[in-house]
Structures are given as C-alpha cells and as structure tokens.
Amino acid sequence: MLKEILKNHTLILASGSPRRQQFFKDLDLDFEIRLKEIEELYPDHLKAEEITNFLAELKASAFENELKENEILVTSDTIVWHKNSALGKPKEYDDAFRILKSLSNDTHEVITSVCFKTTQKTTTFHEVTKVTFTALSDESIQYYLENYKPYDKAGAYGIQEWIGFIGVSKIEGSYANVMGMPTDKVFEYFLKFVEND
C-alpha cells in the first residue's frame, strides 16, 4: 500500500538498527539506508521526549542540503525514561546490570521520536509506551546479560528477547515502539506527509 503511495519518492532510513530496518521491510517499504556518524549529545536541561526529539532532529540535520527533491529521510531515537532520568545504551556489563536492577519491579517509559525530512519541511513526532517489569532476580539479569548481551539497546534490554518474556508484566501503548519504532504512527505519518506534500 505505502509502496504505491510513495512510488514517486525515494525513502531513506538513516539508522543502523537491525530492528528499525526490519520494521521498514515489514511495512513493505522500498528504502535505502544511509548512515552518518553522529555524536549523540544533548543539552542537560532537556527531559523525556525533548531529548529524543532533539536527537532525531540532530541526526536529520546531518543531511542538510544533501537531499534531493523526491527524497524522504527518516531518523529516530529511543530512550528509556525512568525516575526523571534518561537511560541510554549501557557502556558495559556492570552498567547494564545496574540499569536492569533499577527497572526491576517498577514501571518506566520508552520514548521514541521519529523525524521525517525533505527539502521542503521537517516533521517530528514522539510516542510513549509504559513498561512494567516484575521483580527480576540477580540470576535472571545475569543470565540475560551473559546470553543476549543487550549493549546496543536503550535501557539494556530488548522486549522481544528472553527478558521480555519472563520479566515484563504489563505494557501500556505500542509494543513496536519499545523495539524502537512506533510503526502504526509511522504508517499514518507517511500517509499524511505525502498527502500534504
């Protein structure tokens, strides 16, 4: 469906995330992957979706003056927001263990921002999903980290992996969003984006 609607556009996904790339494939989209090295730093005063909005737009700004008329660039960023603090990707084992221990037996938010950029305009939106973990034993956390090594994932976990099956007791909002892309909203925005082009 979108493939036909977007046939006069070239879709560019600026993400090295295998999960985001798979989402675009699952949406039956034809797309290119273009990557740029971005230092993902943001001002300290930003909170929650302000952070992900800033970073998604920062990633898009790296392509300023490079896009052609018919190209649509998509960038995104995901954080775990817990106790008024952003949890990004863990640095190493101990950091990942500490993060998962803090999420245990508590509810956190997963926030993803998606930025659409063309030569004419830039549109950014965000989605928030609440995820509740059961009480995770130290052994469960150790098993997960040793076997799944989730060091490329915000909040040190992938909900689609073992830890999600044994540890997540409740989810409010988009499941796909927790994996890094609110696909239903992306679908809607593509429709609107092209209609209003």
N, C-alpha and C. Protein backbone atom coordinates (compact mmCIF):
# COMPACT_ATOMS: atom_id res chain seq x y z
N MET A 1 0.82 -1.21 0.00
CA MET A 1 0.00 0.00 0.00
C MET A 1 0.86 1.27 0.00
N LEU A 2 1.74 1.39 1.01
CA LEU A 2 2.61 2.57 1.06
C LEU A 2 3.57 2.60 -0.12
N LYS A 3 3.98 1.43 -0.57
CA LYS A 3 4.91 1.35 -1.70
C LYS A 3 4.34 2.07 -2.91
N GLU A 4 3.04 1.88 -3.14
CA GLU A 4 2.38 2.53 -4.26
C GLU A 4 2.26 4.03 -4.02
N ILE A 5 1.88 4.40 -2.80
CA ILE A 5 1.71 5.81 -2.46
C ILE A 5 3.03 6.57 -2.56
N LEU A 6 4.11 5.90 -2.19
CA LEU A 6 5.42 6.55 -2.17
C LEU A 6 6.25 6.30 -3.43
N LYS A 7 5.59 5.83 -4.49
CA LYS A 7 6.35 5.40 -5.67
C LYS A 7 7.14 6.52 -6.32
N ASN A 8 6.73 7.77 -6.11
CA ASN A 8 7.47 8.89 -6.70
C ASN A 8 8.49 9.49 -5.74
N HIS A 9 8.68 8.82 -4.63
CA HIS A 9 9.64 9.29 -3.63
C HIS A 9 10.69 8.22 -3.38
N THR A 10 11.86 8.66 -2.97
CA THR A 10 12.90 7.74 -2.51
C THR A 10 12.96 7.85 -1.00
N LEU A 11 12.78 6.73 -0.33
CA LEU A 11 12.75 6.70 1.13
C LEU A 11 14.14 6.33 1.66
N ILE A 12 14.63 7.14 2.58
CA ILE A 12 15.96 6.92 3.16
C ILE A 12 15.82 6.71 4.66
N LEU A 13 16.28 5.58 5.13
CA LEU A 13 16.30 5.32 6.57
C LEU A 13 17.73 5.52 7.07
N ALA A 14 17.91 6.51 7.95
CA ALA A 14 19.24 6.80 8.48
C ALA A 14 19.39 6.11 9.83
N SER A 15 19.42 4.80 9.80
CA SER A 15 19.54 4.03 11.04
C SER A 15 20.27 2.73 10.78
N GLY A 16 21.22 2.43 11.66
CA GLY A 16 21.92 1.16 11.57
C GLY A 16 21.24 0.06 12.37
N SER A 17 20.12 0.40 13.02
CA SER A 17 19.42 -0.55 13.87
C SER A 17 18.78 -1.66 13.03
N PRO A 18 19.14 -2.92 13.27
CA PRO A 18 18.52 -4.02 12.53
C PRO A 18 17.01 -4.07 12.76
N ARG A 19 16.56 -3.68 13.97
CA ARG A 19 15.12 -3.72 14.27
C ARG A 19 14.36 -2.68 13.44
N ARG A 20 14.90 -1.47 13.35
CA ARG A 20 14.22 -0.44 12.55
C ARG A 20 14.23 -0.80 11.07
N GLN A 21 15.32 -1.36 10.61
CA GLN A 21 15.38 -1.78 9.21
C GLN A 21 14.35 -2.87 8.93
N GLN A 22 14.20 -3.79 9.87
CA GLN A 22 13.21 -4.86 9.71
C GLN A 22 11.79 -4.32 9.72
N PHE A 23 11.53 -3.32 10.56
CA PHE A 23 10.21 -2.70 10.58
C PHE A 23 9.87 -2.11 9.21
N PHE A 24 10.82 -1.44 8.60
CA PHE A 24 10.56 -0.85 7.28
C PHE A 24 10.29 -1.95 6.24
N LYS A 25 11.02 -3.06 6.35
CA LYS A 25 10.75 -4.19 5.45
C LYS A 25 9.35 -4.75 5.71
N ASP A 26 9.00 -4.86 6.99
CA ASP A 26 7.70 -5.43 7.35
C ASP A 26 6.53 -4.51 6.95
N LEU A 27 6.82 -3.22 6.80
CA LEU A 27 5.80 -2.29 6.30
C LEU A 27 5.73 -2.30 4.77
N ASP A 28 6.49 -3.21 4.15
CA ASP A 28 6.54 -3.34 2.68
C ASP A 28 7.01 -2.05 2.01
N LEU A 29 8.03 -1.45 2.58
CA LEU A 29 8.57 -0.22 2.02
C LEU A 29 9.85 -0.50 1.23
N ASP A 30 10.01 0.19 0.11
CA ASP A 30 11.30 0.20 -0.57
C ASP A 30 12.10 1.36 0.02
N PHE A 31 13.31 1.08 0.47
CA PHE A 31 14.08 2.14 1.10
C PHE A 31 15.57 1.90 0.96
N GLU A 32 16.32 2.98 1.10
CA GLU A 32 17.77 2.93 1.14
C GLU A 32 18.21 3.18 2.57
N ILE A 33 19.39 2.69 2.91
CA ILE A 33 19.98 3.00 4.21
C ILE A 33 21.18 3.91 3.98
N ARG A 34 21.15 5.07 4.63
CA ARG A 34 22.30 5.98 4.58
C ARG A 34 22.67 6.34 6.01
N LEU A 35 23.92 6.14 6.34
CA LEU A 35 24.36 6.35 7.72
C LEU A 35 25.39 7.46 7.81
N LYS A 36 25.30 8.22 8.89
CA LYS A 36 26.30 9.23 9.20
C LYS A 36 26.67 9.08 10.67
N GLU A 37 27.93 9.29 10.97
CA GLU A 37 28.39 9.24 12.35
C GLU A 37 27.93 10.51 13.06
N ILE A 38 27.13 10.36 14.09
CA ILE A 38 26.61 11.50 14.85
C ILE A 38 26.98 11.31 16.32
N GLU A 39 27.53 12.36 16.93
CA GLU A 39 27.78 12.31 18.36
C GLU A 39 26.47 12.66 19.06
N GLU A 40 25.88 11.67 19.73
CA GLU A 40 24.52 11.85 20.27
C GLU A 40 24.56 12.54 21.64
N LEU A 41 24.85 13.82 21.59
CA LEU A 41 24.88 14.64 22.80
C LEU A 41 23.71 15.61 22.78
N TYR A 42 23.17 15.89 23.94
CA TYR A 42 22.04 16.82 24.02
C TYR A 42 22.20 17.71 25.27
N PRO A 43 21.59 18.88 25.25
CA PRO A 43 21.69 19.79 26.41
C PRO A 43 21.11 19.16 27.67
N ASP A 44 21.76 19.42 28.80
CA ASP A 44 21.37 18.80 30.07
C ASP A 44 19.96 19.13 30.53
N HIS A 45 19.45 20.28 30.11
CA HIS A 45 18.14 20.71 30.61
C HIS A 45 16.97 19.98 29.94
N LEU A 46 17.25 19.26 28.85
CA LEU A 46 16.17 18.56 28.15
C LEU A 46 15.69 17.36 28.94
N LYS A 47 14.39 17.09 28.83
CA LYS A 47 13.79 15.96 29.55
C LYS A 47 12.90 15.14 28.61
N ALA A 48 12.82 13.83 28.90
CA ALA A 48 11.88 12.92 28.24
C ALA A 48 11.90 13.09 26.72
N GLU A 49 10.71 13.37 26.12
CA GLU A 49 10.63 13.45 24.66
C GLU A 49 11.41 14.62 24.08
N GLU A 50 11.75 15.60 24.89
CA GLU A 50 12.61 16.70 24.40
C GLU A 50 13.96 16.15 23.96
N ILE A 51 14.43 15.13 24.67
CA ILE A 51 15.72 14.51 24.34
C ILE A 51 15.63 13.76 23.01
N THR A 52 14.62 12.91 22.88
CA THR A 52 14.52 12.10 21.66
C THR A 52 14.18 12.97 20.45
N ASN A 53 13.35 14.00 20.65
CA ASN A 53 13.07 14.93 19.55
C ASN A 53 14.36 15.60 19.09
N PHE A 54 15.13 16.08 20.05
CA PHE A 54 16.39 16.77 19.75
C PHE A 54 17.34 15.86 18.98
N LEU A 55 17.50 14.62 19.45
CA LEU A 55 18.45 13.70 18.83
C LEU A 55 17.99 13.23 17.45
N ALA A 56 16.69 12.97 17.29
CA ALA A 56 16.18 12.58 15.97
C ALA A 56 16.40 13.71 14.96
N GLU A 57 16.17 14.95 15.40
CA GLU A 57 16.36 16.10 14.51
C GLU A 57 17.84 16.37 14.27
N LEU A 58 18.67 16.10 15.27
CA LEU A 58 20.12 16.24 15.11
C LEU A 58 20.62 15.28 14.03
N LYS A 59 20.12 14.05 14.07
CA LYS A 59 20.52 13.06 13.07
C LYS A 59 20.06 13.49 11.67
N ALA A 60 18.87 14.09 11.59
CA ALA A 60 18.35 14.54 10.29
C ALA A 60 19.14 15.74 9.76
N SER A 61 19.56 16.61 10.68
CA SER A 61 20.27 17.83 10.26
C SER A 61 21.61 17.52 9.60
N ALA A 62 22.14 16.33 9.86
CA ALA A 62 23.41 15.93 9.24
C ALA A 62 23.27 15.79 7.72
N PHE A 63 22.03 15.69 7.25
CA PHE A 63 21.77 15.52 5.82
C PHE A 63 21.32 16.83 5.16
N GLU A 64 21.41 17.93 5.90
CA GLU A 64 21.00 19.24 5.38
C GLU A 64 21.72 19.53 4.07
N ASN A 65 20.96 20.00 3.08
CA ASN A 65 21.49 20.37 1.75
C ASN A 65 21.98 19.18 0.93
N GLU A 66 21.71 17.95 1.41
CA GLU A 66 22.12 16.76 0.64
C GLU A 66 20.93 16.06 -0.01
N LEU A 67 19.72 16.35 0.48
CA LEU A 67 18.54 15.64 -0.02
C LEU A 67 18.10 16.18 -1.37
N LYS A 68 17.59 15.26 -2.20
CA LYS A 68 17.03 15.65 -3.49
C LYS A 68 15.53 15.88 -3.33
N GLU A 69 14.93 16.46 -4.35
CA GLU A 69 13.52 16.88 -4.30
C GLU A 69 12.57 15.77 -3.88
N ASN A 70 12.80 14.57 -4.37
CA ASN A 70 11.82 13.49 -4.14
C ASN A 70 12.20 12.58 -2.97
N GLU A 71 13.20 12.95 -2.18
CA GLU A 71 13.67 12.06 -1.11
C GLU A 71 13.02 12.40 0.23
N ILE A 72 12.69 11.35 0.97
CA ILE A 72 12.18 11.49 2.34
C ILE A 72 13.16 10.78 3.26
N LEU A 73 13.74 11.54 4.16
CA LEU A 73 14.69 11.00 5.13
C LEU A 73 13.95 10.70 6.43
N VAL A 74 14.24 9.54 7.02
CA VAL A 74 13.65 9.18 8.31
C VAL A 74 14.77 8.90 9.31
N THR A 75 14.73 9.62 10.44
CA THR A 75 15.66 9.36 11.53
C THR A 75 14.85 9.12 12.80
N SER A 76 15.45 8.48 13.77
CA SER A 76 14.71 8.25 15.02
C SER A 76 15.68 8.06 16.18
N ASP A 77 15.12 8.18 17.37
CA ASP A 77 15.91 7.97 18.58
C ASP A 77 15.00 7.44 19.67
N THR A 78 15.53 6.53 20.47
CA THR A 78 14.75 5.92 21.56
C THR A 78 15.52 6.01 22.87
N ILE A 79 14.82 6.38 23.93
CA ILE A 79 15.41 6.32 25.28
C ILE A 79 14.43 5.62 26.22
N VAL A 80 14.98 5.14 27.31
CA VAL A 80 14.17 4.68 28.43
C VAL A 80 14.20 5.81 29.47
N TRP A 81 13.01 6.25 29.88
CA TRP A 81 12.89 7.35 30.85
C TRP A 81 12.40 6.78 32.16
N HIS A 82 13.23 6.92 33.20
CA HIS A 82 12.91 6.28 34.48
C HIS A 82 13.41 7.16 35.62
N LYS A 83 12.51 7.45 36.55
CA LYS A 83 12.86 8.29 37.71
C LYS A 83 13.52 9.59 37.28
N ASN A 84 12.87 10.22 36.30
CA ASN A 84 13.29 11.55 35.82
C ASN A 84 14.71 11.54 35.24
N SER A 85 15.08 10.41 34.66
CA SER A 85 16.42 10.28 34.09
C SER A 85 16.37 9.45 32.81
N ALA A 86 17.21 9.81 31.85
CA ALA A 86 17.27 9.08 30.58
C ALA A 86 18.27 7.94 30.68
N LEU A 87 17.83 6.74 30.35
CA LEU A 87 18.70 5.58 30.32
C LEU A 87 18.99 5.23 28.87
N GLY A 88 20.21 5.41 28.45
CA GLY A 88 20.58 5.09 27.08
C GLY A 88 21.10 3.68 26.97
N LYS A 89 22.04 3.47 26.06
CA LYS A 89 22.65 2.15 25.89
C LYS A 89 23.72 1.95 26.97
N PRO A 90 23.77 0.78 27.56
CA PRO A 90 24.76 0.54 28.62
C PRO A 90 26.18 0.55 28.08
N LYS A 91 27.10 0.98 28.91
CA LYS A 91 28.52 1.04 28.49
C LYS A 91 29.17 -0.34 28.55
N GLU A 92 28.81 -1.10 29.59
CA GLU A 92 29.39 -2.44 29.72
C GLU A 92 28.50 -3.26 30.67
N TYR A 93 28.97 -4.44 31.06
CA TYR A 93 28.18 -5.38 31.84
C TYR A 93 27.64 -4.77 33.13
N ASP A 94 28.53 -4.17 33.91
CA ASP A 94 28.11 -3.64 35.21
C ASP A 94 27.06 -2.54 35.06
N ASP A 95 27.24 -1.73 34.04
CA ASP A 95 26.29 -0.65 33.77
C ASP A 95 24.93 -1.25 33.39
N ALA A 96 24.95 -2.28 32.54
CA ALA A 96 23.71 -2.93 32.12
C ALA A 96 23.01 -3.59 33.31
N PHE A 97 23.79 -4.22 34.18
CA PHE A 97 23.23 -4.86 35.37
C PHE A 97 22.54 -3.82 36.26
N ARG A 98 23.22 -2.70 36.47
CA ARG A 98 22.68 -1.63 37.31
C ARG A 98 21.37 -1.08 36.73
N ILE A 99 21.35 -0.91 35.40
CA ILE A 99 20.14 -0.38 34.74
C ILE A 99 18.97 -1.34 34.94
N LEU A 100 19.18 -2.62 34.65
CA LEU A 100 18.10 -3.59 34.77
C LEU A 100 17.64 -3.75 36.23
N LYS A 101 18.58 -3.65 37.15
CA LYS A 101 18.23 -3.72 38.57
C LYS A 101 17.31 -2.54 38.94
N SER A 102 17.58 -1.38 38.37
CA SER A 102 16.77 -0.19 38.67
C SER A 102 15.37 -0.30 38.05
N LEU A 103 15.25 -1.02 36.92
CA LEU A 103 13.96 -1.19 36.25
C LEU A 103 13.11 -2.29 36.90
N SER A 104 13.76 -3.18 37.64
CA SER A 104 13.08 -4.32 38.26
C SER A 104 11.97 -3.87 39.20
N ASN A 105 10.82 -4.54 39.08
CA ASN A 105 9.69 -4.29 39.98
C ASN A 105 9.22 -2.84 39.94
N ASP A 106 9.25 -2.25 38.74
CA ASP A 106 8.88 -0.85 38.60
C ASP A 106 8.39 -0.61 37.16
N THR A 107 7.81 0.58 36.95
CA THR A 107 7.32 0.98 35.62
C THR A 107 8.20 2.09 35.08
N HIS A 108 8.56 1.98 33.79
CA HIS A 108 9.33 3.03 33.13
C HIS A 108 8.66 3.37 31.80
N GLU A 109 9.12 4.42 31.17
CA GLU A 109 8.60 4.82 29.87
C GLU A 109 9.66 4.60 28.80
N VAL A 110 9.22 4.10 27.66
CA VAL A 110 10.08 4.03 26.48
C VAL A 110 9.58 5.10 25.52
N ILE A 111 10.46 6.01 25.17
CA ILE A 111 10.08 7.14 24.31
C ILE A 111 10.88 7.07 23.02
N THR A 112 10.17 7.10 21.90
CA THR A 112 10.81 7.13 20.59
C THR A 112 10.32 8.36 19.84
N SER A 113 11.25 9.09 19.26
CA SER A 113 10.91 10.19 18.36
C SER A 113 11.33 9.80 16.95
N VAL A 114 10.50 10.18 15.98
CA VAL A 114 10.77 9.92 14.58
C VAL A 114 10.72 11.25 13.83
N CYS A 115 11.73 11.50 13.03
CA CYS A 115 11.81 12.75 12.26
C CYS A 115 11.76 12.42 10.77
N PHE A 116 10.86 13.10 10.06
CA PHE A 116 10.75 13.00 8.61
C PHE A 116 11.28 14.31 8.02
N LYS A 117 12.20 14.20 7.06
CA LYS A 117 12.79 15.41 6.49
C LYS A 117 12.81 15.33 4.97
N THR A 118 12.38 16.40 4.32
CA THR A 118 12.52 16.55 2.86
C THR A 118 13.21 17.88 2.61
N THR A 119 13.36 18.24 1.36
CA THR A 119 13.95 19.55 1.03
C THR A 119 13.00 20.67 1.45
N GLN A 120 11.72 20.36 1.63
CA GLN A 120 10.73 21.39 1.91
C GLN A 120 10.38 21.54 3.39
N LYS A 121 10.42 20.44 4.14
CA LYS A 121 9.94 20.53 5.52
C LYS A 121 10.52 19.42 6.39
N THR A 122 10.40 19.63 7.69
CA THR A 122 10.81 18.65 8.68
C THR A 122 9.66 18.46 9.66
N THR A 123 9.28 17.21 9.91
CA THR A 123 8.20 16.89 10.85
C THR A 123 8.71 15.87 11.86
N THR A 124 8.49 16.13 13.13
CA THR A 124 8.93 15.21 14.19
C THR A 124 7.76 14.89 15.11
N PHE A 125 7.63 13.63 15.48
CA PHE A 125 6.64 13.25 16.49
C PHE A 125 7.27 12.26 17.44
N HIS A 126 6.62 12.04 18.57
CA HIS A 126 7.13 11.06 19.52
C HIS A 126 6.00 10.18 20.02
N GLU A 127 6.38 9.03 20.55
CA GLU A 127 5.43 8.07 21.12
C GLU A 127 5.98 7.59 22.46
N VAL A 128 5.09 7.42 23.43
CA VAL A 128 5.49 6.96 24.76
C VAL A 128 4.77 5.65 25.08
N THR A 129 5.51 4.66 25.53
CA THR A 129 4.94 3.39 25.98
C THR A 129 5.40 3.13 27.40
N LYS A 130 4.46 2.74 28.26
CA LYS A 130 4.81 2.41 29.65
C LYS A 130 5.03 0.90 29.77
N VAL A 131 6.15 0.52 30.36
CA VAL A 131 6.51 -0.89 30.52
C VAL A 131 6.75 -1.16 32.00
N THR A 132 6.11 -2.23 32.50
CA THR A 132 6.29 -2.62 33.90
C THR A 132 7.00 -3.96 33.98
N PHE A 133 8.09 -3.98 34.74
CA PHE A 133 8.83 -5.22 34.99
C PHE A 133 8.40 -5.84 36.32
N THR A 134 8.39 -7.15 36.36
CA THR A 134 8.25 -7.87 37.62
C THR A 134 9.57 -7.72 38.39
N ALA A 135 9.62 -8.28 39.57
CA ALA A 135 10.88 -8.28 40.33
C ALA A 135 11.84 -9.27 39.65
N LEU A 136 12.95 -8.74 39.13
CA LEU A 136 13.94 -9.58 38.44
C LEU A 136 15.00 -10.03 39.43
N SER A 137 15.25 -11.31 39.48
CA SER A 137 16.32 -11.81 40.36
C SER A 137 17.67 -11.47 39.75
N ASP A 138 18.69 -11.41 40.59
CA ASP A 138 20.05 -11.16 40.09
C ASP A 138 20.45 -12.24 39.10
N GLU A 139 20.02 -13.48 39.36
CA GLU A 139 20.36 -14.60 38.48
C GLU A 139 19.74 -14.42 37.09
N SER A 140 18.50 -13.94 37.07
CA SER A 140 17.83 -13.71 35.78
C SER A 140 18.53 -12.62 34.99
N ILE A 141 18.91 -11.55 35.67
CA ILE A 141 19.61 -10.46 35.00
C ILE A 141 20.95 -10.94 34.47
N GLN A 142 21.68 -11.69 35.28
CA GLN A 142 22.98 -12.22 34.86
C GLN A 142 22.83 -13.14 33.65
N TYR A 143 21.83 -14.02 33.70
CA TYR A 143 21.59 -14.95 32.59
C TYR A 143 21.32 -14.18 31.29
N TYR A 144 20.47 -13.16 31.40
CA TYR A 144 20.11 -12.37 30.22
C TYR A 144 21.33 -11.65 29.65
N LEU A 145 22.09 -10.99 30.50
CA LEU A 145 23.24 -10.23 30.03
C LEU A 145 24.30 -11.14 29.42
N GLU A 146 24.53 -12.30 30.03
CA GLU A 146 25.56 -13.21 29.53
C GLU A 146 25.16 -13.86 28.20
N ASN A 147 23.86 -14.11 28.03
CA ASN A 147 23.41 -14.82 26.83
C ASN A 147 22.93 -13.92 25.70
N TYR A 148 22.48 -12.71 26.02
CA TYR A 148 21.89 -11.84 24.99
C TYR A 148 22.67 -10.55 24.74
N LYS A 149 23.54 -10.17 25.69
CA LYS A 149 24.45 -9.02 25.51
C LYS A 149 23.74 -7.81 24.88
N PRO A 150 22.79 -7.22 25.60
CA PRO A 150 21.96 -6.15 25.03
C PRO A 150 22.61 -4.76 25.11
N TYR A 151 23.87 -4.67 24.72
CA TYR A 151 24.60 -3.41 24.90
C TYR A 151 24.28 -2.38 23.81
N ASP A 152 23.53 -2.80 22.79
CA ASP A 152 23.15 -1.86 21.74
C ASP A 152 21.72 -1.36 21.93
N LYS A 153 21.14 -1.63 23.11
CA LYS A 153 19.73 -1.32 23.33
C LYS A 153 19.55 -0.33 24.47
N ALA A 154 18.73 0.69 24.23
CA ALA A 154 18.41 1.65 25.28
C ALA A 154 17.76 0.92 26.45
N GLY A 155 18.20 1.23 27.66
CA GLY A 155 17.64 0.58 28.83
C GLY A 155 18.16 -0.82 29.07
N ALA A 156 19.13 -1.25 28.25
CA ALA A 156 19.81 -2.54 28.43
C ALA A 156 18.90 -3.75 28.25
N TYR A 157 17.83 -3.60 27.46
CA TYR A 157 17.01 -4.79 27.20
C TYR A 157 16.26 -4.67 25.87
N GLY A 158 15.93 -5.82 25.32
CA GLY A 158 15.06 -5.90 24.16
C GLY A 158 13.80 -6.63 24.58
N ILE A 159 12.65 -5.98 24.45
CA ILE A 159 11.40 -6.57 24.93
C ILE A 159 11.06 -7.84 24.15
N GLN A 160 11.58 -7.96 22.94
CA GLN A 160 11.30 -9.14 22.10
C GLN A 160 12.19 -10.32 22.47
N GLU A 161 13.10 -10.13 23.42
CA GLU A 161 14.03 -11.18 23.81
C GLU A 161 13.56 -11.86 25.10
N TRP A 162 14.37 -12.79 25.59
CA TRP A 162 14.05 -13.61 26.76
C TRP A 162 13.58 -12.77 27.94
N ILE A 163 14.26 -11.67 28.21
CA ILE A 163 13.92 -10.84 29.37
C ILE A 163 12.50 -10.29 29.27
N GLY A 164 12.06 -10.01 28.04
CA GLY A 164 10.69 -9.52 27.84
C GLY A 164 9.65 -10.58 28.15
N PHE A 165 9.97 -11.82 27.82
CA PHE A 165 9.03 -12.92 28.06
C PHE A 165 8.89 -13.24 29.55
N ILE A 166 10.01 -13.16 30.27
CA ILE A 166 9.96 -13.56 31.68
C ILE A 166 9.79 -12.38 32.64
N GLY A 167 10.07 -11.17 32.15
CA GLY A 167 10.14 -10.05 33.07
C GLY A 167 9.08 -8.97 32.93
N VAL A 168 8.49 -8.86 31.74
CA VAL A 168 7.52 -7.77 31.52
C VAL A 168 6.13 -8.24 31.92
N SER A 169 5.54 -7.57 32.91
CA SER A 169 4.22 -7.97 33.40
C SER A 169 3.10 -7.11 32.82
N LYS A 170 3.45 -5.92 32.30
CA LYS A 170 2.41 -5.03 31.78
C LYS A 170 3.02 -4.06 30.77
N ILE A 171 2.24 -3.76 29.74
CA ILE A 171 2.68 -2.77 28.76
C ILE A 171 1.47 -1.92 28.38
N GLU A 172 1.66 -0.62 28.39
CA GLU A 172 0.60 0.32 28.02
C GLU A 172 1.09 1.15 26.84
N GLY A 173 0.50 0.88 25.66
CA GLY A 173 0.92 1.60 24.47
C GLY A 173 1.47 0.66 23.41
N SER A 174 2.22 1.22 22.48
CA SER A 174 2.73 0.48 21.32
C SER A 174 3.88 -0.46 21.69
N TYR A 175 3.71 -1.74 21.37
CA TYR A 175 4.76 -2.73 21.59
C TYR A 175 5.94 -2.44 20.66
N ALA A 176 5.64 -2.14 19.40
CA ALA A 176 6.70 -1.87 18.42
C ALA A 176 7.54 -0.68 18.85
N ASN A 177 6.91 0.28 19.51
CA ASN A 177 7.64 1.46 19.99
C ASN A 177 8.75 1.09 20.95
N VAL A 178 8.52 0.07 21.77
CA VAL A 178 9.53 -0.37 22.73
C VAL A 178 10.73 -0.97 21.99
N MET A 179 10.50 -1.46 20.78
CA MET A 179 11.57 -2.00 19.96
C MET A 179 12.24 -0.93 19.10
N GLY A 180 11.74 0.32 19.22
CA GLY A 180 12.44 1.42 18.56
C GLY A 180 11.73 2.10 17.42
N MET A 181 10.46 1.73 17.14
CA MET A 181 9.75 2.38 16.04
C MET A 181 8.24 2.18 16.20
N PRO A 182 7.50 3.26 16.49
CA PRO A 182 6.04 3.14 16.59
C PRO A 182 5.44 3.01 15.19
N THR A 183 5.38 1.79 14.69
CA THR A 183 5.07 1.55 13.28
C THR A 183 3.69 2.06 12.86
N ASP A 184 2.71 1.99 13.76
CA ASP A 184 1.38 2.48 13.39
C ASP A 184 1.39 3.98 13.12
N LYS A 185 2.13 4.72 13.96
CA LYS A 185 2.22 6.17 13.78
C LYS A 185 3.06 6.52 12.54
N VAL A 186 4.10 5.73 12.29
CA VAL A 186 4.93 5.95 11.09
C VAL A 186 4.08 5.78 9.84
N PHE A 187 3.25 4.74 9.84
CA PHE A 187 2.34 4.48 8.71
C PHE A 187 1.41 5.68 8.49
N GLU A 188 0.79 6.14 9.57
CA GLU A 188 -0.12 7.30 9.48
C GLU A 188 0.60 8.53 8.97
N TYR A 189 1.79 8.78 9.50
CA TYR A 189 2.53 9.97 9.12
C TYR A 189 2.98 9.93 7.66
N PHE A 190 3.33 8.76 7.15
CA PHE A 190 3.66 8.65 5.74
C PHE A 190 2.47 9.05 4.88
N LEU A 191 1.29 8.57 5.26
CA LEU A 191 0.10 8.92 4.50
C LEU A 191 -0.12 10.43 4.51
N LYS A 192 -0.05 11.05 5.68
CA LYS A 192 -0.27 12.49 5.80
C LYS A 192 0.85 13.29 5.13
N PHE A 193 2.08 12.80 5.29
CA PHE A 193 3.25 13.51 4.79
C PHE A 193 3.15 13.66 3.28
N VAL A 194 2.77 12.58 2.61
CA VAL A 194 2.69 12.61 1.15
C VAL A 194 1.45 13.38 0.69
N GLU A 195 0.34 13.19 1.41
CA GLU A 195 -0.91 13.92 1.07
C GLU A 195 -0.69 15.42 1.11
N ASN A 196 0.10 15.87 2.09
CA ASN A 196 0.31 17.31 2.28
C ASN A 196 1.52 17.83 1.54
N ASP A 197 2.19 16.97 0.79
CA ASP A 197 3.42 17.37 0.12
C ASP A 197 3.14 18.42 -0.96
